[in-house]
Amino acid sequence: MGHLVSRGHELTQHPGDADVLVVNTCSFIDPAKQESVDTILEMAEYKKSGSARKLIVAGCMVERYRDDIRRNIPEVDAVLGTNELDSIVALCEGATPDANPFEPYLYHDLTPRVLSTARHYAYIKIAEGCDHPCSFCVIPQFRGNFRSRRFESVIVEATRMFAQGVREINLIGQDTTSYGEDLGIKDGLPNLLARLAQIETPHPKWIRFLYCYPNRITQKLLDTLAEHPALVKYIDMPLQHASAAVLKRMKRGSHGDFFLKLLERIRATIPGVAIRTSMIVGFPGETEADFEILRQLVQVAQFDRLGVFSYSDEETSGSYDLDAKVDARTIYNRRRNLMALQRRISKQRNRKMIGQEIDVLVEGPSQETDLLWQARMSTQAPEIDGVCYLNDFGDAAPQPGEIRRMRITEAHDYDLIGALIDSPAQSAPVPIAQPFPILAATR
């Protein structure tokens, strides 16, 4: 989007008005592939009924099914893989893109960019690709080997975003905890976080990083999180399972006891830390005994946030050829069982917060009702965790982008309800951005 806007193209919210439609796809698991295909077909209809002259398919699905897309969906005029994003302008303009055989794509601080989030928070990708051999994962096949952005490139972009009014920056990558290793930087992520925390801003700021690999969490990283107030006390650490046998087949190694000791060390180092993880149920060979080990870990660990994925049998993954496949009904039941357990844990933890006073980042009016506003604690990551609802504004109405003080009055399974109890005098609002126009429907 940044490349297109910088070349004078206009983005539109309405696919029917677009001259060119771009569908960004995902192909990590079956539901994502199906949603991508459905969107491509939906957008193809606009070539008949709208003003669209060109349909471009981009993203991970192109890396896996480039020839199939071209052969089976003739309405598609061009495809764009994950390492070809610099070619988007040429494809939209009908030109032949210049090939870059020297290095895989990695955006940096000079890359044109348009934020698709609200003005008060943003994502910064600090690395691309992955070197881990997880047997269930196909990401390395179409994202390539792990590669880090240059240290100063991240600092420059973050500094610019804070100056523009962004309050919360979320660092992302397939494995952020390996940041800098390929560049020969020791303790790359802790040093990057410490430097980001020291950026001077006229307002409070939150800095979060997502997707830790468990065996890459060092004491240096934990100490850094504990030291700097601007660093959100939040760790997103996908564990995937607890059974040593299943983890071995996943090619991740480790076991539940190691994870519990790691969690104990994290909580001892960072008081009040929130820990999010994700698990996979129904992996080939997962027995009832294995699933019970996983349940016991979740019960003992008392995660603040938990996502559960049903195993997806991807034909190019290492786990595709494993024996002892688990049937779909069993996978469905195990996922429901584990999520029901986590829902009870989450509700109990939320109830203990009633009466506490916390800082929240105000998002704006709730999509559920005009009577409530939505906000987030620093321990609630955008788009994936629960939220806070404001039903009492006190003496000063909230504005999107403010960091305000809230007293929690009610607790639900994943969300909290509360009242604002402070004045926004020390928290100037971020200008309200208009809903962001998209070039086409994206997923």
Protein backbone atom coordinates (compact mmCIF):
# COMPACT_ATOMS: atom_id res chain seq x y z
CA MET A 1 0.00 0.00 0.00
CA GLY A 2 2.85 2.36 0.79
CA HIS A 3 4.50 1.71 -2.57
CA LEU A 4 1.24 2.39 -4.42
CA VAL A 5 0.38 5.58 -2.54
CA SER A 6 3.91 6.93 -2.98
CA ARG A 7 3.49 6.52 -6.73
CA GLY A 8 0.26 8.49 -6.78
CA HIS A 9 -2.30 5.70 -6.66
CA GLU A 10 -5.46 6.21 -4.62
CA LEU A 11 -6.79 3.55 -2.29
CA THR A 12 -10.50 2.92 -1.99
CA GLN A 13 -12.71 1.18 0.55
CA HIS A 14 -15.07 -0.01 -2.16
CA PRO A 15 -13.92 -2.84 -4.47
CA GLY A 16 -16.58 -1.83 -6.97
CA ASP A 17 -14.81 1.51 -7.49
CA ALA A 18 -11.29 0.09 -7.87
CA ASP A 19 -9.42 -0.16 -11.17
CA VAL A 20 -7.12 -2.78 -9.64
CA LEU A 21 -8.03 -5.30 -6.94
CA VAL A 22 -5.33 -6.84 -4.77
CA VAL A 23 -6.14 -9.83 -2.56
CA ASN A 24 -3.54 -10.60 0.10
CA THR A 25 -3.73 -14.28 1.01
CA CYS A 26 -2.76 -16.70 3.76
CA SER A 27 -2.23 -20.44 3.40
CA PHE A 28 -0.99 -21.47 6.83
CA ILE A 29 -3.96 -23.72 7.64
CA ASP A 30 -7.00 -25.00 5.73
CA PRO A 31 -9.53 -22.39 6.96
CA ALA A 32 -7.16 -19.59 5.92
CA LYS A 33 -6.70 -21.14 2.47
CA GLN A 34 -10.44 -21.48 2.00
CA GLU A 35 -11.07 -17.90 3.11
CA SER A 36 -8.41 -16.71 0.67
CA VAL A 37 -9.94 -18.64 -2.24
CA ASP A 38 -13.43 -17.37 -1.40
CA THR A 39 -12.14 -13.78 -1.35
CA ILE A 40 -10.35 -14.18 -4.70
CA LEU A 41 -13.56 -15.48 -6.29
CA GLU A 42 -15.60 -12.71 -4.67
CA MET A 43 -13.24 -10.05 -6.00
CA ALA A 44 -13.23 -11.67 -9.45
CA GLU A 45 -16.93 -10.81 -9.75
CA TYR A 46 -16.05 -7.11 -9.66
CA LYS A 47 -14.26 -7.50 -12.98
CA LYS A 48 -17.73 -8.19 -14.37
CA SER A 49 -19.85 -5.75 -12.38
CA GLY A 50 -17.42 -3.02 -11.32
CA SER A 51 -14.72 -0.89 -12.88
CA ALA A 52 -11.88 -3.33 -12.10
CA ARG A 53 -9.59 -4.09 -15.02
CA LYS A 54 -7.04 -6.12 -13.13
CA LEU A 55 -7.04 -8.68 -10.28
CA ILE A 56 -3.77 -9.42 -8.47
CA VAL A 57 -3.32 -12.19 -5.91
CA ALA A 58 -0.53 -11.69 -3.38
CA GLY A 59 0.88 -13.38 -0.30
CA CYS A 60 1.60 -16.84 1.01
CA MET A 61 -0.89 -18.72 -1.16
CA VAL A 62 1.06 -17.57 -4.20
CA GLU A 63 4.21 -19.17 -2.80
CA ARG A 64 2.45 -22.52 -2.44
CA TYR A 65 0.01 -22.56 -5.35
CA ARG A 66 1.33 -20.08 -7.92
CA ASP A 67 0.71 -22.30 -10.96
CA ASP A 68 -2.63 -23.60 -9.63
CA ILE A 69 -3.95 -20.06 -9.20
CA ARG A 70 -2.96 -19.10 -12.71
CA ARG A 71 -4.40 -22.28 -14.19
CA ASN A 72 -7.65 -22.57 -12.24
CA ILE A 73 -8.69 -18.92 -11.79
CA PRO A 74 -8.34 -17.26 -15.19
CA GLU A 75 -9.73 -13.98 -13.81
CA VAL A 76 -6.41 -13.48 -11.96
CA ASP A 77 -4.12 -11.24 -14.04
CA ALA A 78 -0.96 -11.44 -11.91
CA VAL A 79 0.46 -13.06 -8.78
CA LEU A 80 2.84 -11.60 -6.22
CA GLY A 81 4.83 -13.75 -3.78
CA THR A 82 6.02 -12.82 -0.31
CA ASN A 83 9.50 -11.88 -1.58
CA GLU A 84 8.21 -9.86 -4.54
CA LEU A 85 6.39 -6.99 -2.85
CA ASP A 86 8.55 -4.37 -4.54
CA SER A 87 6.87 -5.39 -7.81
CA ILE A 88 3.35 -4.31 -6.81
CA VAL A 89 3.46 -0.93 -8.57
CA ALA A 90 4.67 -2.40 -11.85
CA LEU A 91 1.99 -5.10 -11.76
CA CYS A 92 -0.77 -2.58 -11.06
CA GLU A 93 0.44 -0.36 -13.88
CA GLY A 94 0.78 -3.22 -16.34
CA ALA A 95 4.56 -3.02 -16.56
CA THR A 96 7.11 -5.79 -16.28
CA PRO A 97 8.61 -5.77 -12.78
CA ASP A 98 12.37 -5.72 -12.32
CA ALA A 99 13.71 -8.92 -10.83
CA ASN A 100 15.93 -8.82 -7.74
CA PRO A 101 17.89 -12.08 -7.60
CA PHE A 102 20.36 -10.85 -5.01
CA GLU A 103 18.50 -10.86 -1.72
CA PRO A 104 15.05 -11.86 -0.39
CA TYR A 105 12.55 -9.15 0.43
CA LEU A 106 12.86 -7.40 3.80
CA TYR A 107 11.22 -4.04 4.36
CA HIS A 108 13.12 -1.28 6.18
CA ASP A 109 12.69 2.28 7.41
CA LEU A 110 12.85 3.75 3.91
CA THR A 111 10.10 1.49 2.57
CA PRO A 112 6.96 3.55 1.87
CA ARG A 113 4.23 2.55 4.29
CA VAL A 114 0.57 3.26 5.01
CA LEU A 115 -0.71 2.28 8.45
CA SER A 116 -3.82 0.10 8.27
CA THR A 117 -4.33 0.22 12.04
CA ALA A 118 -5.84 3.00 14.12
CA ARG A 119 -3.51 5.96 14.64
CA HIS A 120 -2.60 5.06 18.20
CA TYR A 121 -0.98 1.66 17.63
CA ALA A 122 1.12 0.00 14.94
CA TYR A 123 3.16 -3.06 14.08
CA ILE A 124 6.83 -3.11 13.15
CA LYS A 125 8.28 -6.26 11.63
CA ILE A 126 11.82 -6.71 12.88
CA ALA A 127 12.64 -9.97 11.11
CA GLU A 128 11.40 -12.22 8.33
CA GLY A 129 11.56 -15.97 7.81
CA CYS A 130 12.33 -18.79 10.23
CA ASP A 131 15.06 -21.39 10.73
CA HIS A 132 13.20 -23.65 13.17
CA PRO A 133 12.33 -27.15 11.88
CA CYS A 134 8.82 -27.51 13.39
CA SER A 135 7.26 -30.40 11.49
CA PHE A 136 3.72 -28.92 11.44
CA CYS A 137 4.78 -25.56 10.00
CA VAL A 138 5.13 -24.57 6.34
CA ILE A 139 6.15 -20.93 6.97
CA PRO A 140 9.89 -21.44 6.23
CA GLN A 141 8.97 -22.85 2.83
CA PHE A 142 7.47 -19.60 1.60
CA ARG A 143 9.01 -17.03 3.94
CA GLY A 144 12.59 -18.24 3.62
CA ASN A 145 15.47 -18.35 6.07
CA PHE A 146 15.52 -16.09 9.13
CA ARG A 147 16.81 -12.59 8.46
CA SER A 148 16.86 -9.58 10.76
CA ARG A 149 16.37 -5.94 9.93
CA ARG A 150 19.28 -3.67 10.72
CA PHE A 151 19.20 -2.39 14.29
CA GLU A 152 19.10 1.30 13.39
CA SER A 153 16.40 0.71 10.77
CA VAL A 154 14.00 -0.42 13.50
CA ILE A 155 14.94 2.50 15.78
CA VAL A 156 14.41 5.06 12.99
CA GLU A 157 10.97 3.71 12.10
CA ALA A 158 9.85 3.49 15.73
CA THR A 159 11.08 7.03 16.45
CA ARG A 160 9.14 8.33 13.48
CA MET A 161 5.97 6.50 14.55
CA PHE A 162 6.12 7.83 18.10
CA ALA A 163 6.61 11.34 16.73
CA GLN A 164 3.48 10.89 14.60
CA GLY A 165 1.38 10.08 17.67
CA VAL A 166 1.56 6.29 17.86
CA ARG A 167 1.26 5.21 21.50
CA GLU A 168 1.82 1.47 21.18
CA ILE A 169 4.30 -0.36 18.97
CA ASN A 170 4.13 -4.13 18.56
CA LEU A 171 7.30 -5.80 17.27
CA ILE A 172 6.57 -8.86 15.18
CA GLY A 173 8.35 -11.58 13.24
CA GLN A 174 8.07 -15.32 12.87
CA ASP A 175 10.57 -15.59 15.76
CA THR A 176 11.41 -12.27 17.39
CA THR A 177 13.61 -13.90 20.04
CA SER A 178 16.22 -14.78 17.36
CA TYR A 179 16.52 -11.14 16.34
CA GLY A 180 20.07 -10.12 15.47
CA GLU A 181 21.64 -13.59 15.53
CA ASP A 182 22.17 -13.61 11.75
CA LEU A 183 23.82 -10.17 12.04
CA GLY A 184 26.19 -11.31 14.77
CA ILE A 185 24.45 -9.22 17.44
CA LYS A 186 24.54 -10.77 20.91
CA ASP A 187 21.36 -10.31 22.96
CA GLY A 188 19.79 -8.65 19.93
CA LEU A 189 16.20 -8.46 21.14
CA PRO A 190 16.97 -7.28 24.70
CA ASN A 191 19.29 -4.58 23.35
CA LEU A 192 16.72 -3.49 20.77
CA LEU A 193 13.97 -3.29 23.39
CA ALA A 194 16.17 -1.28 25.77
CA ARG A 195 17.02 1.18 22.99
CA LEU A 196 13.36 1.54 21.97
CA ALA A 197 12.37 2.16 25.60
CA GLN A 198 14.80 5.08 25.71
CA ILE A 199 13.24 6.94 22.77
CA GLU A 200 11.98 10.26 24.10
CA THR A 201 8.28 10.90 23.50
CA PRO A 202 5.90 13.67 24.62
CA HIS A 203 3.46 11.05 25.88
CA PRO A 204 3.51 7.63 27.57
CA LYS A 205 4.36 4.77 25.24
CA TRP A 206 3.92 1.01 25.17
CA ILE A 207 6.34 -1.37 23.44
CA ARG A 208 5.42 -5.02 23.01
CA PHE A 209 7.04 -7.91 21.15
CA LEU A 210 5.22 -11.02 20.01
CA TYR A 211 6.00 -14.68 19.30
CA CYS A 212 8.80 -15.94 21.56
CA TYR A 213 10.42 -19.30 20.97
CA PRO A 214 10.58 -20.91 24.46
CA ASN A 215 14.21 -21.98 24.42
CA ARG A 216 15.30 -18.51 23.25
CA ILE A 217 13.97 -16.68 26.30
CA THR A 218 17.09 -15.61 28.18
CA GLN A 219 17.46 -14.08 31.61
CA LYS A 220 18.83 -10.98 29.90
CA LEU A 221 15.55 -10.61 27.99
CA LEU A 222 13.48 -11.02 31.17
CA ASP A 223 15.64 -8.55 33.11
CA THR A 224 15.26 -6.00 30.32
CA LEU A 225 11.46 -6.33 30.35
CA ALA A 226 11.43 -5.87 34.09
CA GLU A 227 13.73 -2.84 34.00
CA HIS A 228 11.96 -0.47 31.58
CA PRO A 229 8.43 0.84 32.33
CA ALA A 230 7.74 1.43 28.61
CA LEU A 231 8.17 -2.28 27.87
CA VAL A 232 4.85 -4.04 28.24
CA LYS A 233 4.92 -6.83 30.82
CA TYR A 234 3.51 -9.34 28.34
CA ILE A 235 5.03 -12.45 26.81
CA ASP A 236 3.49 -14.30 23.87
CA MET A 237 5.21 -17.69 23.90
CA PRO A 238 3.62 -20.45 21.76
CA LEU A 239 4.38 -23.74 23.52
CA GLN A 240 2.29 -25.91 21.13
CA HIS A 241 2.04 -28.86 23.56
CA ALA A 242 3.20 -30.29 26.88
CA SER A 243 3.74 -33.99 26.10
CA ALA A 244 7.41 -34.79 25.44
CA ALA A 245 6.37 -37.44 22.89
CA VAL A 246 4.22 -35.01 20.90
CA LEU A 247 6.80 -32.23 21.10
CA LYS A 248 9.43 -34.63 19.78
CA ARG A 249 7.24 -35.47 16.77
CA MET A 250 6.70 -31.76 16.27
CA LYS A 251 10.51 -31.38 16.19
CA ARG A 252 10.36 -28.82 18.96
CA GLY A 253 11.65 -30.90 21.86
CA SER A 254 11.28 -30.00 25.55
CA HIS A 255 8.45 -31.04 27.90
CA GLY A 256 5.88 -29.72 30.33
CA ASP A 257 8.12 -29.66 33.39
CA PHE A 258 10.63 -27.44 31.58
CA PHE A 259 7.84 -25.09 30.60
CA LEU A 260 6.57 -24.84 34.18
CA LYS A 261 10.04 -23.97 35.45
CA LEU A 262 10.38 -21.37 32.72
CA LEU A 263 7.03 -19.85 33.65
CA GLU A 264 8.11 -19.72 37.29
CA ARG A 265 11.30 -17.88 36.33
CA ILE A 266 9.41 -15.43 34.11
CA ARG A 267 6.90 -14.59 36.84
CA ALA A 268 9.60 -14.26 39.48
CA THR A 269 11.56 -11.82 37.32
CA ILE A 270 8.62 -9.75 36.04
CA PRO A 271 5.95 -9.22 38.70
CA GLY A 272 2.49 -8.89 37.17
CA VAL A 273 3.55 -10.27 33.78
CA ALA A 274 0.80 -11.61 31.52
CA ILE A 275 1.65 -14.76 29.59
CA ARG A 276 -0.09 -15.82 26.41
CA THR A 277 0.50 -19.12 24.65
CA SER A 278 -0.99 -21.26 21.92
CA MET A 279 -1.41 -25.02 21.70
CA ILE A 280 -2.11 -27.50 18.92
CA VAL A 281 -4.49 -30.39 19.57
CA GLY A 282 -4.85 -33.46 17.37
CA PHE A 283 -1.25 -33.63 16.19
CA PRO A 284 -0.50 -37.05 14.62
CA GLY A 285 0.15 -39.58 17.37
CA GLU A 286 -1.46 -37.49 20.13
CA THR A 287 -3.05 -40.02 22.51
CA GLU A 288 -5.59 -39.45 25.25
CA ALA A 289 -2.69 -39.64 27.70
CA ASP A 290 -0.81 -36.95 25.76
CA PHE A 291 -3.89 -34.73 25.75
CA GLU A 292 -4.30 -35.20 29.51
CA ILE A 293 -0.69 -34.07 30.01
CA LEU A 294 -1.57 -30.95 28.03
CA ARG A 295 -4.69 -30.35 30.13
CA GLN A 296 -2.70 -30.69 33.33
CA LEU A 297 -0.13 -28.16 32.13
CA VAL A 298 -2.85 -25.62 31.30
CA GLN A 299 -4.47 -26.17 34.69
CA VAL A 300 -1.24 -25.78 36.63
CA ALA A 301 0.27 -22.98 34.50
CA GLN A 302 -2.79 -20.68 34.77
CA PHE A 303 -2.03 -18.82 31.56
CA ASP A 304 -3.48 -15.34 31.24
CA ARG A 305 -4.28 -15.94 27.58
CA LEU A 306 -4.49 -19.15 25.56
CA GLY A 307 -5.30 -19.92 21.95
CA VAL A 308 -5.94 -23.48 20.76
CA PHE A 309 -5.48 -24.56 17.15
CA SER A 310 -6.85 -27.73 15.59
CA TYR A 311 -4.06 -29.56 13.80
CA SER A 312 -4.14 -28.90 10.05
CA ASP A 313 -2.62 -31.61 7.84
CA GLU A 314 -0.71 -29.54 5.28
CA GLU A 315 0.58 -31.59 2.37
CA THR A 316 4.02 -29.94 2.25
CA SER A 317 4.68 -30.04 6.00
CA GLY A 318 6.94 -32.58 7.67
CA SER A 319 4.05 -33.90 9.77
CA TYR A 320 1.95 -34.75 6.70
CA ASP A 321 3.63 -38.17 6.35
CA LEU A 322 3.43 -39.07 10.04
CA ASP A 323 1.28 -42.02 11.03
CA ALA A 324 -1.41 -42.28 13.74
CA LYS A 325 -3.54 -39.38 12.45
CA VAL A 326 -6.23 -38.16 14.86
CA ASP A 327 -9.77 -38.04 13.48
CA ALA A 328 -11.55 -34.71 13.01
CA ARG A 329 -14.23 -35.35 15.66
CA THR A 330 -11.62 -36.10 18.33
CA ILE A 331 -9.65 -32.98 17.38
CA TYR A 332 -12.82 -30.88 17.62
CA ASN A 333 -13.72 -32.28 21.05
CA ARG A 334 -10.22 -31.83 22.42
CA ARG A 335 -10.12 -28.22 21.29
CA ARG A 336 -13.49 -27.50 22.93
CA ASN A 337 -12.37 -29.27 26.09
CA LEU A 338 -9.16 -27.27 26.38
CA MET A 339 -10.80 -23.95 25.60
CA ALA A 340 -13.52 -24.62 28.19
CA LEU A 341 -10.80 -25.21 30.78
CA GLN A 342 -9.05 -21.97 29.82
CA ARG A 343 -12.33 -20.04 29.87
CA ARG A 344 -12.84 -21.00 33.50
CA ILE A 345 -9.25 -20.05 34.34
CA SER A 346 -9.59 -16.71 32.56
CA LYS A 347 -12.86 -15.87 34.30
CA GLN A 348 -11.40 -16.66 37.72
CA ARG A 349 -8.33 -14.52 37.04
CA ASN A 350 -10.49 -11.64 35.76
CA ARG A 351 -12.76 -11.76 38.83
CA LYS A 352 -9.72 -11.24 41.05
CA MET A 353 -9.11 -7.95 39.27
CA ILE A 354 -12.42 -6.36 40.27
CA GLY A 355 -11.69 -3.18 42.24
CA GLN A 356 -8.17 -2.73 40.83
CA GLU A 357 -7.12 0.47 39.11
CA ILE A 358 -5.17 0.09 35.88
CA ASP A 359 -3.94 2.11 32.92
CA VAL A 360 -5.81 1.52 29.66
CA LEU A 361 -5.30 2.66 26.09
CA VAL A 362 -8.60 4.06 24.81
CA GLU A 363 -9.55 2.61 21.42
CA GLY A 364 -12.87 4.31 20.66
CA PRO A 365 -16.60 3.55 20.65
CA SER A 366 -17.43 -0.14 20.94
CA GLN A 367 -18.62 -1.95 17.83
CA GLU A 368 -21.07 -3.82 20.06
CA THR A 369 -23.04 -0.81 21.32
CA ASP A 370 -22.90 2.99 21.27
CA LEU A 371 -23.28 2.99 25.07
CA LEU A 372 -19.76 1.63 25.67
CA TRP A 373 -16.25 2.59 24.69
CA GLN A 374 -13.48 0.06 24.19
CA ALA A 375 -10.01 0.14 25.70
CA ARG A 376 -7.14 -2.24 26.40
CA MET A 377 -4.79 -2.87 29.27
CA SER A 378 -1.13 -3.15 28.35
CA THR A 379 -1.50 -6.88 29.00
CA GLN A 380 -4.13 -7.19 26.26
CA ALA A 381 -2.54 -7.33 22.82
CA PRO A 382 -4.54 -5.79 19.97
CA GLU A 383 -6.78 -8.06 17.89
CA ILE A 384 -6.01 -11.30 19.72
CA ASP A 385 -6.86 -10.80 23.41
CA GLY A 386 -9.89 -9.64 25.35
CA VAL A 387 -10.67 -5.95 25.86
CA CYS A 388 -11.94 -3.51 28.47
CA TYR A 389 -15.31 -1.78 28.12
CA LEU A 390 -15.85 1.67 29.58
CA ASN A 391 -19.38 2.36 30.85
CA ASP A 392 -18.60 5.43 32.98
CA PHE A 393 -16.42 8.28 31.71
CA GLY A 394 -16.25 10.24 34.95
CA ASP A 395 -15.71 13.99 34.54
CA ALA A 396 -13.96 13.85 31.16
CA ALA A 397 -15.13 12.04 28.03
CA PRO A 398 -12.45 9.77 26.54
CA GLN A 399 -10.70 10.28 23.22
CA PRO A 400 -9.12 7.56 21.04
CA GLY A 401 -5.42 7.22 21.76
CA GLU A 402 -5.47 8.46 25.36
CA ILE A 403 -3.90 6.40 28.10
CA ARG A 404 -6.32 6.74 31.01
CA ARG A 405 -6.88 5.27 34.46
CA MET A 406 -9.72 2.78 34.87
CA ARG A 407 -11.26 1.08 37.91
CA ILE A 408 -12.46 -2.46 37.11
CA THR A 409 -16.08 -2.99 38.19
CA GLU A 410 -17.13 -6.18 36.37
CA ALA A 411 -15.43 -9.28 34.98
CA HIS A 412 -16.45 -11.67 32.23
CA ASP A 413 -14.78 -14.70 30.68
CA TYR A 414 -12.25 -12.68 28.67
CA ASP A 415 -13.32 -9.04 28.92
CA LEU A 416 -13.44 -6.49 31.73
CA ILE A 417 -15.78 -3.56 32.40
CA GLY A 418 -14.86 -0.43 34.28
CA ALA A 419 -15.06 3.32 34.85
CA LEU A 420 -12.57 6.07 34.11
CA ILE A 421 -11.37 7.73 37.30
CA ASP A 422 -8.79 10.25 36.11
CA SER A 423 -8.44 13.40 34.06
CA PRO A 424 -6.87 13.21 30.60
CA ALA A 425 -4.79 16.35 31.26
CA GLN A 426 -1.53 14.43 31.10
CA SER A 427 -2.55 12.34 28.10
CA ALA A 428 -3.17 14.36 24.96
CA PRO A 429 -5.30 12.42 22.50
CA VAL A 430 -4.09 11.11 19.17
CA PRO A 431 -5.96 12.73 16.25
CA ILE A 432 -8.85 10.51 15.17
CA ALA A 433 -8.01 8.83 11.89
CA GLN A 434 -10.65 8.16 9.28
CA PRO A 435 -11.39 4.47 8.60
CA PHE A 436 -8.51 3.29 6.44
CA PRO A 437 -9.34 2.77 2.75
CA ILE A 438 -8.30 -0.58 1.35
CA LEU A 439 -7.40 -1.36 -2.21
CA ALA A 440 -9.29 -4.62 -2.02
CA ALA A 441 -10.67 -7.05 0.52
CA THR A 442 -7.81 -8.49 2.54
CA ARG A 443 -7.67 -11.33 5.02
